[in-house]
Amino acid sequence: MPEARHRRIAADIQRRIAAGEWRPGQDLPSRAELAAELGVHPQTVRLAYVLLRRVGVLEGDRRRAVYVAHPPAMRTLTDADAEWPFSSEITDTRPCVASMELAERLDVEPGMTLRHETVECLDPGGRSAMLVSSWWRGRRRPHVSFTAEVGAVGLEAEQAHALGLLVDSVVFRVARTRFDHDGRPLETADLLLPMDRWSIRLAPPP
């Protein structure tokens, strides 16, 4: 399928950039040149370039040369419970049904209806830096402690689009759960952090 082919080419271009074949600020070959090298139609390469511009890997006008984008600033997450210091946008507030994992994290029955909110955290340049999806039951209440577990997950299509990454890109997932005075879970959240924009250094909770 043409769509699958241009996505495969986009992934290959990303691998070649990561290997140092093309560096930030360097022009990529023209559509015709790369199409001849890969044995595909120039339109397929154009679609790959469009995709890579959309996710922030390439920059440049579509009628002119495209070049490798300079990487975003790296940040270090040290407090998974800290307020985001820049602008943010709420992108989803649909209630959801508690999965087995969410039910365990919130100590509720699977299938229970939960409140939900997804927030897109933006860096000072307006680029998406992190997605935070939170789930809770009833009304939100102040918490006194939290735990955070770090792992990695592949992005689904909607998440990838928001973060400007390819579907199935692997990102850090910080699973944060907040507790009340009695140690009961009040709210849980997944913080999704692109690995090209974040390092993580978490101290254990007191």
Protein backbone atom coordinates (compact mmCIF):
# COMPACT_ATOMS: atom_id res chain seq x y z
CA MET A 1 0.00 0.00 0.00
CA PRO A 2 1.31 3.53 -0.81
CA GLU A 3 0.57 4.73 2.73
CA ALA A 4 2.53 1.90 4.31
CA ARG A 5 5.41 2.50 1.89
CA HIS A 6 5.75 6.20 2.65
CA ARG A 7 5.63 5.48 6.38
CA ARG A 8 8.37 2.88 5.98
CA ILE A 9 10.46 5.42 4.07
CA ALA A 10 9.85 8.02 6.79
CA ALA A 11 10.99 5.56 9.45
CA ASP A 12 14.10 4.76 7.39
CA ILE A 13 14.91 8.47 7.05
CA GLN A 14 14.62 8.83 10.81
CA ARG A 15 17.03 5.93 11.31
CA ARG A 16 19.51 7.47 8.88
CA ILE A 17 19.28 10.80 10.69
CA ALA A 18 19.83 9.06 14.04
CA ALA A 19 22.88 7.31 12.54
CA GLY A 20 24.36 10.70 11.59
CA GLU A 21 23.98 10.45 7.81
CA TRP A 22 22.16 13.80 7.86
CA ARG A 23 22.72 16.25 10.69
CA PRO A 24 20.58 19.09 12.08
CA GLY A 25 20.36 21.92 9.58
CA GLN A 26 21.55 19.76 6.65
CA ASP A 27 19.42 19.55 3.51
CA LEU A 28 18.01 16.18 2.52
CA PRO A 29 18.14 15.01 -1.12
CA SER A 30 15.40 16.27 -3.39
CA ARG A 31 12.29 14.13 -3.76
CA ALA A 32 13.45 13.01 -7.20
CA GLU A 33 16.94 12.11 -5.98
CA LEU A 34 15.75 10.07 -3.02
CA ALA A 35 13.01 8.43 -5.10
CA ALA A 36 15.64 7.31 -7.62
CA GLU A 37 17.84 5.96 -4.82
CA LEU A 38 14.97 4.01 -3.26
CA GLY A 39 13.29 2.95 -6.48
CA VAL A 40 9.94 4.57 -5.65
CA HIS A 41 7.77 7.32 -7.13
CA PRO A 42 8.69 10.90 -6.07
CA GLN A 43 5.15 11.30 -4.71
CA THR A 44 5.89 8.57 -2.16
CA VAL A 45 8.96 10.46 -0.97
CA ARG A 46 6.92 13.67 -0.87
CA LEU A 47 4.43 12.00 1.46
CA ALA A 48 7.28 10.77 3.67
CA TYR A 49 8.71 14.31 3.84
CA VAL A 50 5.27 15.74 4.65
CA LEU A 51 4.89 13.24 7.49
CA LEU A 52 8.35 14.01 8.89
CA ARG A 53 7.69 17.77 8.73
CA ARG A 54 4.44 17.24 10.61
CA VAL A 55 6.16 15.35 13.43
CA GLY A 56 9.02 17.86 13.66
CA VAL A 57 11.85 15.70 12.26
CA LEU A 58 12.23 17.86 9.13
CA GLU A 59 11.69 21.53 8.45
CA GLY A 60 11.46 23.61 5.31
CA ASP A 61 8.92 24.71 2.73
CA ARG A 62 7.38 21.89 0.73
CA ARG A 63 8.33 23.62 -2.54
CA ARG A 64 11.96 23.99 -1.49
CA ALA A 65 14.62 21.86 0.12
CA VAL A 66 13.78 20.23 3.41
CA TYR A 67 16.38 19.91 6.12
CA VAL A 68 16.87 18.09 9.40
CA ALA A 69 15.22 19.97 12.26
CA HIS A 70 17.31 20.91 15.26
CA PRO A 71 16.35 18.74 18.23
CA PRO A 72 14.12 20.27 20.91
CA ALA A 73 15.58 21.32 24.21
CA MET A 74 16.15 18.49 26.66
CA ARG A 75 14.48 18.66 30.05
CA THR A 76 14.93 16.55 33.16
CA LEU A 77 11.94 15.32 35.12
CA THR A 78 12.80 15.33 38.81
CA ASP A 79 9.34 15.70 40.37
CA ALA A 80 6.48 13.76 38.78
CA ASP A 81 3.99 15.71 40.93
CA ALA A 82 5.14 19.23 40.03
CA GLU A 83 2.87 21.69 38.23
CA TRP A 84 3.77 22.31 34.58
CA PRO A 85 5.37 25.80 34.48
CA PHE A 86 4.35 26.70 30.91
CA SER A 87 1.09 26.69 28.97
CA SER A 88 -1.09 23.62 28.56
CA GLU A 89 -4.29 22.58 26.82
CA ILE A 90 -7.00 20.17 27.95
CA THR A 91 -7.63 17.92 24.94
CA ASP A 92 -10.01 15.25 26.28
CA THR A 93 -12.44 15.05 29.21
CA ARG A 94 -14.49 11.99 28.23
CA PRO A 95 -15.33 9.64 31.11
CA CYS A 96 -14.02 6.11 30.72
CA VAL A 97 -14.51 2.64 32.12
CA ALA A 98 -11.86 1.38 34.52
CA SER A 99 -9.61 -1.23 32.93
CA MET A 100 -8.04 -3.93 35.06
CA GLU A 101 -4.87 -1.82 35.40
CA LEU A 102 -6.70 1.39 36.31
CA ALA A 103 -8.95 -0.48 38.74
CA GLU A 104 -5.89 -1.84 40.52
CA ARG A 105 -4.18 1.55 40.62
CA LEU A 106 -7.29 3.26 42.04
CA ASP A 107 -8.49 0.34 44.17
CA VAL A 108 -11.90 0.23 42.47
CA GLU A 109 -13.90 -2.43 40.66
CA PRO A 110 -13.08 -3.04 36.99
CA GLY A 111 -15.74 -1.52 34.75
CA MET A 112 -16.44 1.38 37.11
CA THR A 113 -16.96 4.73 35.36
CA LEU A 114 -14.06 7.10 36.01
CA ARG A 115 -13.57 10.80 35.42
CA HIS A 116 -10.80 11.46 32.94
CA GLU A 117 -8.72 14.34 31.60
CA THR A 118 -5.87 14.51 29.10
CA VAL A 119 -3.66 17.61 29.15
CA GLU A 120 -1.10 18.51 26.49
CA CYS A 121 1.81 20.38 28.10
CA LEU A 122 3.51 22.83 25.74
CA ASP A 123 7.06 24.12 25.84
CA PRO A 124 7.77 27.87 25.58
CA GLY A 125 7.94 27.54 21.78
CA GLY A 126 4.46 26.03 21.63
CA ARG A 127 5.60 22.49 20.84
CA SER A 128 4.06 19.58 22.72
CA ALA A 129 6.44 18.43 25.46
CA MET A 130 4.35 15.94 27.43
CA LEU A 131 0.89 14.35 27.60
CA VAL A 132 -0.73 13.78 30.99
CA SER A 133 -3.83 11.56 31.18
CA SER A 134 -5.48 11.44 34.62
CA TRP A 135 -8.27 9.27 36.03
CA TRP A 136 -10.19 9.59 39.28
CA ARG A 137 -13.55 8.77 40.83
CA GLY A 138 -16.03 11.32 42.17
CA ARG A 139 -14.63 14.78 42.69
CA ARG A 140 -10.97 15.69 42.77
CA ARG A 141 -9.57 16.03 46.27
CA PRO A 142 -6.23 17.30 47.61
CA HIS A 143 -3.57 14.64 48.06
CA VAL A 144 -0.76 14.33 50.59
CA SER A 145 1.58 11.85 48.88
CA PHE A 146 2.23 10.11 45.58
CA THR A 147 4.19 7.31 43.98
CA ALA A 148 5.71 7.24 40.50
CA GLU A 149 6.85 4.27 38.43
CA VAL A 150 8.86 4.73 35.25
CA GLY A 151 8.50 2.53 32.19
CA ALA A 152 8.20 2.77 28.43
CA VAL A 153 5.25 2.35 26.04
CA GLY A 154 4.53 2.64 22.33
CA LEU A 155 2.29 5.52 21.29
CA GLU A 156 -1.18 5.09 19.88
CA ALA A 157 -2.20 7.19 16.87
CA GLU A 158 -3.88 10.02 18.79
CA GLN A 159 -1.02 10.30 21.27
CA ALA A 160 1.59 10.23 18.50
CA HIS A 161 -0.20 13.00 16.61
CA ALA A 162 -0.32 15.21 19.71
CA LEU A 163 3.38 14.72 20.48
CA GLY A 164 4.52 15.02 16.86
CA LEU A 165 5.91 11.49 16.74
CA LEU A 166 5.29 8.41 14.64
CA VAL A 167 2.76 5.81 15.72
CA ASP A 168 4.36 3.14 17.92
CA SER A 169 7.25 5.45 18.85
CA VAL A 170 8.51 4.43 22.29
CA VAL A 171 8.24 7.07 25.02
CA PHE A 172 8.78 7.21 28.76
CA ARG A 173 5.64 6.49 30.78
CA VAL A 174 5.56 7.74 34.35
CA ALA A 175 2.61 6.14 36.15
CA ARG A 176 1.80 8.50 39.03
CA THR A 177 -0.75 7.77 41.74
CA ARG A 178 -1.82 10.27 44.39
CA PHE A 179 -2.99 9.27 47.89
CA ASP A 180 -4.91 10.77 50.81
CA HIS A 181 -3.93 10.85 54.50
CA ASP A 182 -4.99 7.24 54.95
CA GLY A 183 -3.01 5.98 51.95
CA ARG A 184 -6.06 5.52 49.76
CA PRO A 185 -5.57 6.30 46.06
CA LEU A 186 -7.35 9.45 44.92
CA GLU A 187 -6.13 9.83 41.35
CA THR A 188 -3.79 8.12 38.94
CA ALA A 189 -2.13 9.45 35.80
CA ASP A 190 0.11 8.49 32.91
CA LEU A 191 2.75 11.05 31.97
CA LEU A 192 4.02 10.38 28.44
CA LEU A 193 7.41 11.97 27.77
CA PRO A 194 9.22 11.74 24.39
CA MET A 195 12.68 10.26 24.85
CA ASP A 196 14.21 12.85 22.53
CA ARG A 197 13.04 15.66 24.86
CA TRP A 198 13.39 14.22 28.35
CA SER A 199 15.67 12.50 30.79
CA ILE A 200 14.30 11.29 34.11
CA ARG A 201 15.87 11.59 37.55
CA LEU A 202 13.35 10.77 40.27
CA ALA A 203 14.04 10.80 43.99
CA PRO A 204 12.09 8.36 46.17
CA PRO A 205 9.14 9.94 48.02
CA PRO A 206 9.84 10.91 51.65
